Amino acid sequence: MIEGNQKILQQFAERTTLPYVPVITVGWDRRPWEKGSLPPEKLSTWYPDRTPKLVEEFVGAGMKWLDDHPDKATPQRLLLLYAWNENGEGGYLTPTEADGTEYLKAVQRAITAKR
């Protein structure tokens, strides 16, 4: 998912004159909501390898894009993270019993890292 997103970000950098706000997905898996209601070929795409380390890498890639394309970023250097609390869909940063605050720490490391 990270590699594919970097290609999309590069396309925006090459093709638009408008400011762009990169979107980083911290996870996605709608299967719990779709199970039993859709045939397998209709199920959503999901990202099965979500870890704090991969979230850190993905957010870091978004930060690097902002660093590399100041002319394409907004003046505030905005970066959107999907999502804070989509726990049922695997897109969340909220602390959990299983992971504690590891995802939040991963985001902090990514945005404060020297590049």
C-alpha atoms as a PDB file:
ATOM      1  CA  MET A   1       0.000   0.000   0.000  1.00  0.00           C
ATOM      2  CA  ILE A   2       2.854   2.397   0.788  1.00  0.00           C
ATOM      3  CA  GLU A   3       4.499   1.937  -2.598  1.00  0.00           C
ATOM      4  CA  GLY A   4       1.232   2.438  -4.472  1.00  0.00           C
ATOM      5  CA  ASN A   5       0.454   5.570  -2.496  1.00  0.00           C
ATOM      6  CA  GLN A   6       3.901   7.013  -3.252  1.00  0.00           C
ATOM      7  CA  LYS A   7       3.169   6.617  -6.971  1.00  0.00           C
ATOM      8  CA  ILE A   8      -0.102   8.484  -6.531  1.00  0.00           C
ATOM      9  CA  LEU A   9       1.640  11.288  -4.634  1.00  0.00           C
ATOM     10  CA  GLN A  10       4.258  11.547  -7.372  1.00  0.00           C
ATOM     11  CA  GLN A  11       1.528  11.829  -9.988  1.00  0.00           C
ATOM     12  CA  PHE A  12      -0.002  14.737  -8.084  1.00  0.00           C
ATOM     13  CA  ALA A  13       3.394  16.414  -7.863  1.00  0.00           C
ATOM     14  CA  GLU A  14       3.864  16.073 -11.632  1.00  0.00           C
ATOM     15  CA  ARG A  15       0.359  16.922 -12.840  1.00  0.00           C
ATOM     16  CA  THR A  16      -1.222  19.579 -10.680  1.00  0.00           C
ATOM     17  CA  THR A  17      -0.484  23.211 -10.050  1.00  0.00           C
ATOM     18  CA  LEU A  18      -2.841  23.235  -7.083  1.00  0.00           C
ATOM     19  CA  PRO A  19      -1.738  22.590  -3.490  1.00  0.00           C
ATOM     20  CA  TYR A  20      -2.282  19.005  -2.393  1.00  0.00           C
ATOM     21  CA  VAL A  21      -2.860  17.424   1.002  1.00  0.00           C
ATOM     22  CA  PRO A  22      -1.486  13.847   1.054  1.00  0.00           C
ATOM     23  CA  VAL A  23      -3.735  11.231   2.647  1.00  0.00           C
ATOM     24  CA  ILE A  24      -2.158   8.373   4.581  1.00  0.00           C
ATOM     25  CA  THR A  25      -4.254   5.330   5.467  1.00  0.00           C
ATOM     26  CA  VAL A  26      -3.358   3.742   8.804  1.00  0.00           C
ATOM     27  CA  GLY A  27      -5.407   0.642   8.045  1.00  0.00           C
ATOM     28  CA  TRP A  28      -8.524  -0.598   6.298  1.00  0.00           C
ATOM     29  CA  ASP A  29     -10.556  -3.768   6.558  1.00  0.00           C
ATOM     30  CA  ARG A  30     -14.342  -3.713   6.098  1.00  0.00           C
ATOM     31  CA  ARG A  31     -14.627  -7.498   6.095  1.00  0.00           C
ATOM     32  CA  PRO A  32     -16.180  -7.621   9.578  1.00  0.00           C
ATOM     33  CA  TRP A  33     -19.113  -5.518   8.314  1.00  0.00           C
ATOM     34  CA  GLU A  34     -19.407  -7.280   4.960  1.00  0.00           C
ATOM     35  CA  LYS A  35     -19.039 -10.874   6.106  1.00  0.00           C
ATOM     36  CA  GLY A  36     -22.043 -12.933   5.200  1.00  0.00           C
ATOM     37  CA  SER A  37     -23.691 -10.142   3.231  1.00  0.00           C
ATOM     38  CA  LEU A  38     -21.521 -10.176   0.101  1.00  0.00           C
ATOM     39  CA  PRO A  39     -20.040 -12.886  -2.098  1.00  0.00           C
ATOM     40  CA  PRO A  40     -16.218 -13.138  -1.836  1.00  0.00           C
ATOM     41  CA  GLU A  41     -15.639 -11.396  -5.178  1.00  0.00           C
ATOM     42  CA  LYS A  42     -17.520  -8.307  -3.925  1.00  0.00           C
ATOM     43  CA  LEU A  43     -15.645  -7.914  -0.633  1.00  0.00           C
ATOM     44  CA  SER A  44     -13.603  -4.730  -0.178  1.00  0.00           C
ATOM     45  CA  THR A  45      -9.843  -4.619  -0.530  1.00  0.00           C
ATOM     46  CA  TRP A  46      -8.089  -4.801   2.841  1.00  0.00           C
ATOM     47  CA  TYR A  47      -4.584  -4.265   4.140  1.00  0.00           C
ATOM     48  CA  PRO A  48      -3.644  -7.244   6.317  1.00  0.00           C
ATOM     49  CA  ASP A  49      -0.169  -6.176   7.435  1.00  0.00           C
ATOM     50  CA  ARG A  50      -0.953  -3.184   9.640  1.00  0.00           C
ATOM     51  CA  THR A  51       1.708  -2.647  12.328  1.00  0.00           C
ATOM     52  CA  PRO A  52       2.994   0.399  14.214  1.00  0.00           C
ATOM     53  CA  LYS A  53       6.247   0.127  12.228  1.00  0.00           C
ATOM     54  CA  LEU A  54       4.408   0.206   8.885  1.00  0.00           C
ATOM     55  CA  VAL A  55       2.217   3.101  10.023  1.00  0.00           C
ATOM     56  CA  GLU A  56       5.395   4.965  10.996  1.00  0.00           C
ATOM     57  CA  GLU A  57       6.910   4.227   7.581  1.00  0.00           C
ATOM     58  CA  PHE A  58       3.770   5.346   5.752  1.00  0.00           C
ATOM     59  CA  VAL A  59       3.421   8.597   7.717  1.00  0.00           C
ATOM     60  CA  GLY A  60       7.154   9.181   7.204  1.00  0.00           C
ATOM     61  CA  ALA A  61       6.674   8.776   3.441  1.00  0.00           C
ATOM     62  CA  GLY A  62       3.937  11.408   3.565  1.00  0.00           C
ATOM     63  CA  MET A  63       6.190  13.768   5.518  1.00  0.00           C
ATOM     64  CA  LYS A  64       8.980  13.195   3.015  1.00  0.00           C
ATOM     65  CA  TRP A  65       6.619  14.095   0.181  1.00  0.00           C
ATOM     66  CA  LEU A  66       5.846  17.376   1.962  1.00  0.00           C
ATOM     67  CA  ASP A  67       9.588  18.011   2.361  1.00  0.00           C
ATOM     68  CA  ASP A  68      10.315  17.183  -1.292  1.00  0.00           C
ATOM     69  CA  HIS A  69       7.404  19.196  -2.743  1.00  0.00           C
ATOM     70  CA  PRO A  70       7.024  22.451  -0.795  1.00  0.00           C
ATOM     71  CA  ASP A  71       5.613  24.070  -3.941  1.00  0.00           C
ATOM     72  CA  LYS A  72       2.815  21.473  -4.062  1.00  0.00           C
ATOM     73  CA  ALA A  73       2.050  21.278  -0.325  1.00  0.00           C
ATOM     74  CA  THR A  74      -0.282  23.656   1.466  1.00  0.00           C
ATOM     75  CA  PRO A  75       1.440  26.469   3.401  1.00  0.00           C
ATOM     76  CA  GLN A  76       0.468  24.646   6.637  1.00  0.00           C
ATOM     77  CA  ARG A  77       2.119  21.409   5.408  1.00  0.00           C
ATOM     78  CA  LEU A  78      -1.066  19.427   6.043  1.00  0.00           C
ATOM     79  CA  LEU A  79      -1.077  15.648   6.021  1.00  0.00           C
ATOM     80  CA  LEU A  80      -4.336  13.755   6.574  1.00  0.00           C
ATOM     81  CA  LEU A  81      -4.377  10.446   8.422  1.00  0.00           C
ATOM     82  CA  TYR A  82      -7.260   8.048   7.929  1.00  0.00           C
ATOM     83  CA  ALA A  83      -8.486   7.408  10.585  1.00  0.00           C
ATOM     84  CA  TRP A  84      -8.465   8.133  14.282  1.00  0.00           C
ATOM     85  CA  ASN A  85     -11.224   5.807  15.462  1.00  0.00           C
ATOM     86  CA  GLU A  86     -12.379   3.374  12.784  1.00  0.00           C
ATOM     87  CA  ASN A  87     -11.554   0.458  15.067  1.00  0.00           C
ATOM     88  CA  GLY A  88     -14.042  -1.897  13.453  1.00  0.00           C
ATOM     89  CA  GLU A  89     -12.560  -1.208  10.033  1.00  0.00           C
ATOM     90  CA  GLY A  90      -8.907  -1.476  11.031  1.00  0.00           C
ATOM     91  CA  GLY A  91      -8.210   2.225  10.487  1.00  0.00           C
ATOM     92  CA  TYR A  92      -7.469   3.663  13.905  1.00  0.00           C
ATOM     93  CA  LEU A  93      -4.834   5.317  16.043  1.00  0.00           C
ATOM     94  CA  THR A  94      -6.779   5.251  19.306  1.00  0.00           C
ATOM     95  CA  PRO A  95      -5.106   3.369  22.158  1.00  0.00           C
ATOM     96  CA  THR A  96      -6.239  -0.214  22.544  1.00  0.00           C
ATOM     97  CA  GLU A  97      -5.756  -2.922  25.113  1.00  0.00           C
ATOM     98  CA  ALA A  98      -3.691  -4.983  22.653  1.00  0.00           C
ATOM     99  CA  ASP A  99      -1.418  -2.224  21.314  1.00  0.00           C
ATOM    100  CA  GLY A 100      -1.540   0.486  23.951  1.00  0.00           C
ATOM    101  CA  THR A 101      -0.373   3.770  22.419  1.00  0.00           C
ATOM    102  CA  GLU A 102       2.074   2.211  19.947  1.00  0.00           C
ATOM    103  CA  TYR A 103       0.299   3.611  16.876  1.00  0.00           C
ATOM    104  CA  LEU A 104       0.270   7.126  18.311  1.00  0.00           C
ATOM    105  CA  LYS A 105       3.959   6.810  19.162  1.00  0.00           C
ATOM    106  CA  ALA A 106       4.634   5.636  15.603  1.00  0.00           C
ATOM    107  CA  VAL A 107       2.973   8.773  14.209  1.00  0.00           C
ATOM    108  CA  GLN A 108       4.948  10.965  16.617  1.00  0.00           C
ATOM    109  CA  ARG A 109       8.238   9.350  15.555  1.00  0.00           C
ATOM    110  CA  ALA A 110       7.368   9.826  11.884  1.00  0.00           C
ATOM    111  CA  ILE A 111       6.497  13.508  12.159  1.00  0.00           C
ATOM    112  CA  THR A 112       9.473  14.403  14.343  1.00  0.00           C
ATOM    113  CA  ALA A 113      12.114  12.342  12.505  1.00  0.00           C
ATOM    114  CA  LYS A 114      15.048  14.052  10.841  1.00  0.00           C
ATOM    115  CA  ARG A 115      14.948  13.520   7.093  1.00  0.00           C
END
